[in-house]
Amino acid sequence: MRKYLSAIILSGAVALTGCAKPPSKIAPVAVASSEYAGKSCKHLLAQLNNTNTELSALEQKQRDKVAGDAIVVFLILVPPSSMAGDHEAEIALKKGEAIAIKRAMENRGC
């Protein structure tokens, strides 16, 4: 009985390592603000608004993946995002872009 319980606990721990990360735990990737150099404040603000809108949508999709993983792991011990993927890379890029745009805006004095 103890063997089975230990195996179930170990399987659960292994399965949880493949779960989707919550958006708040995803670090931004480095994006050079020089990519936005020479753009007007108006253009930078529009770009930042677009980036934030896209980031919000991706974060919601990621939260849905996290919730789905929690439910499915509880039932079958295999997180679907480990097979189907999640939006971690896209969120990291959008977070990095937002930081770079804000830095470019500060450099321009926007």
Protein backbone atom coordinates (compact mmCIF):
# COMPACT_ATOMS: atom_id res chain seq x y z
CA MET A 1 0.00 0.00 0.00
CA ARG A 2 2.80 2.42 0.88
CA LYS A 3 4.53 1.67 -2.43
CA TYR A 4 1.42 2.64 -4.35
CA LEU A 5 0.90 5.79 -2.34
CA SER A 6 4.54 6.79 -2.85
CA ALA A 7 4.24 6.12 -6.59
CA ILE A 8 1.10 8.25 -6.83
CA ILE A 9 2.71 11.12 -4.92
CA LEU A 10 5.86 10.93 -7.06
CA SER A 11 3.80 10.82 -10.26
CA GLY A 12 1.85 13.86 -9.12
CA ALA A 13 5.03 15.77 -8.33
CA VAL A 14 6.51 14.93 -11.73
CA ALA A 15 3.29 15.89 -13.49
CA LEU A 16 3.11 19.25 -11.73
CA THR A 17 6.54 20.24 -13.03
CA GLY A 18 5.09 20.24 -16.56
CA CYS A 19 2.19 22.55 -15.71
CA ALA A 20 1.77 25.92 -17.34
CA LYS A 21 3.26 28.86 -15.40
CA PRO A 22 0.98 31.64 -14.22
CA PRO A 23 1.62 34.85 -16.20
CA SER A 24 2.96 36.62 -13.11
CA LYS A 25 5.77 34.04 -12.89
CA ILE A 26 6.92 34.55 -16.49
CA ALA A 27 9.98 36.78 -16.80
CA PRO A 28 10.31 39.19 -19.75
CA VAL A 29 12.93 38.58 -22.40
CA ALA A 30 15.40 41.33 -23.23
CA VAL A 31 14.31 43.51 -26.13
CA ALA A 32 16.50 46.39 -27.26
CA SER A 33 14.85 49.80 -26.96
CA SER A 34 16.93 50.84 -29.99
CA GLU A 35 14.35 48.94 -32.05
CA TYR A 36 11.95 51.77 -31.19
CA ALA A 37 14.43 54.64 -31.56
CA GLY A 38 13.40 57.39 -33.94
CA LYS A 39 9.68 56.72 -33.46
CA SER A 40 7.41 59.56 -32.43
CA CYS A 41 5.82 59.67 -28.98
CA LYS A 42 2.43 59.18 -30.63
CA HIS A 43 3.68 56.08 -32.45
CA LEU A 44 5.33 54.71 -29.29
CA LEU A 45 2.16 55.21 -27.26
CA ALA A 46 0.09 53.42 -29.90
CA GLN A 47 2.63 50.60 -30.03
CA LEU A 48 2.59 50.31 -26.24
CA ASN A 49 -1.21 50.19 -26.19
CA ASN A 50 -1.22 47.45 -28.85
CA THR A 51 1.45 45.48 -27.00
CA ASN A 52 -0.44 45.76 -23.70
CA THR A 53 -3.67 44.64 -25.36
CA GLU A 54 -1.95 41.61 -26.89
CA LEU A 55 -0.22 40.86 -23.58
CA SER A 56 -3.53 40.96 -21.69
CA ALA A 57 -5.11 38.52 -24.14
CA LEU A 58 -2.13 36.16 -23.91
CA GLU A 59 -2.13 36.35 -20.12
CA GLN A 60 -5.81 35.38 -20.05
CA LYS A 61 -5.13 32.42 -22.33
CA GLN A 62 -2.23 31.41 -20.07
CA ARG A 63 -4.41 31.66 -16.94
CA ASP A 64 -6.92 29.39 -18.71
CA LYS A 65 -4.10 26.90 -19.41
CA VAL A 66 -3.01 27.02 -15.76
CA ALA A 67 -6.58 26.34 -14.59
CA GLY A 68 -7.03 23.56 -17.14
CA ASP A 69 -3.76 21.94 -16.09
CA ALA A 70 -4.78 21.99 -12.44
CA ILE A 71 -8.06 20.24 -13.18
CA VAL A 72 -6.65 17.66 -15.60
CA VAL A 73 -3.61 16.88 -13.43
CA PHE A 74 -5.98 16.21 -10.55
CA LEU A 75 -7.91 13.73 -12.72
CA ILE A 76 -5.23 11.99 -14.84
CA LEU A 77 -1.85 13.30 -13.59
CA VAL A 78 -0.80 14.64 -17.00
CA PRO A 79 -0.92 18.40 -17.66
CA PRO A 80 -2.27 19.12 -21.16
CA SER A 81 0.08 22.09 -21.61
CA SER A 82 3.04 19.70 -21.40
CA MET A 83 1.79 18.19 -24.66
CA ALA A 84 -0.12 21.03 -26.32
CA GLY A 85 2.11 23.92 -25.23
CA ASP A 86 1.28 27.20 -23.62
CA HIS A 87 1.88 30.92 -24.23
CA GLU A 88 4.95 31.40 -22.02
CA ALA A 89 7.34 32.47 -24.81
CA GLU A 90 4.84 34.90 -26.31
CA ILE A 91 4.13 36.47 -22.92
CA ALA A 92 7.83 36.82 -22.17
CA LEU A 93 8.36 38.56 -25.52
CA LYS A 94 5.41 40.94 -25.08
CA LYS A 95 6.57 41.83 -21.56
CA GLY A 96 10.03 42.57 -22.97
CA GLU A 97 8.59 44.66 -25.79
CA ALA A 98 6.51 46.70 -23.34
CA ILE A 99 9.60 47.41 -21.22
CA ALA A 100 11.61 48.40 -24.30
CA ILE A 101 8.86 50.73 -25.55
CA LYS A 102 8.58 52.38 -22.13
CA ARG A 103 12.35 52.83 -22.06
CA ALA A 104 12.27 54.37 -25.55
CA MET A 105 9.48 56.71 -24.43
CA GLU A 106 11.53 57.80 -21.42
CA ASN A 107 14.57 58.40 -23.66
CA ARG A 108 12.45 60.59 -25.95
CA GLY A 109 10.89 62.43 -23.02
CA CYS A 110 7.35 61.30 -23.84
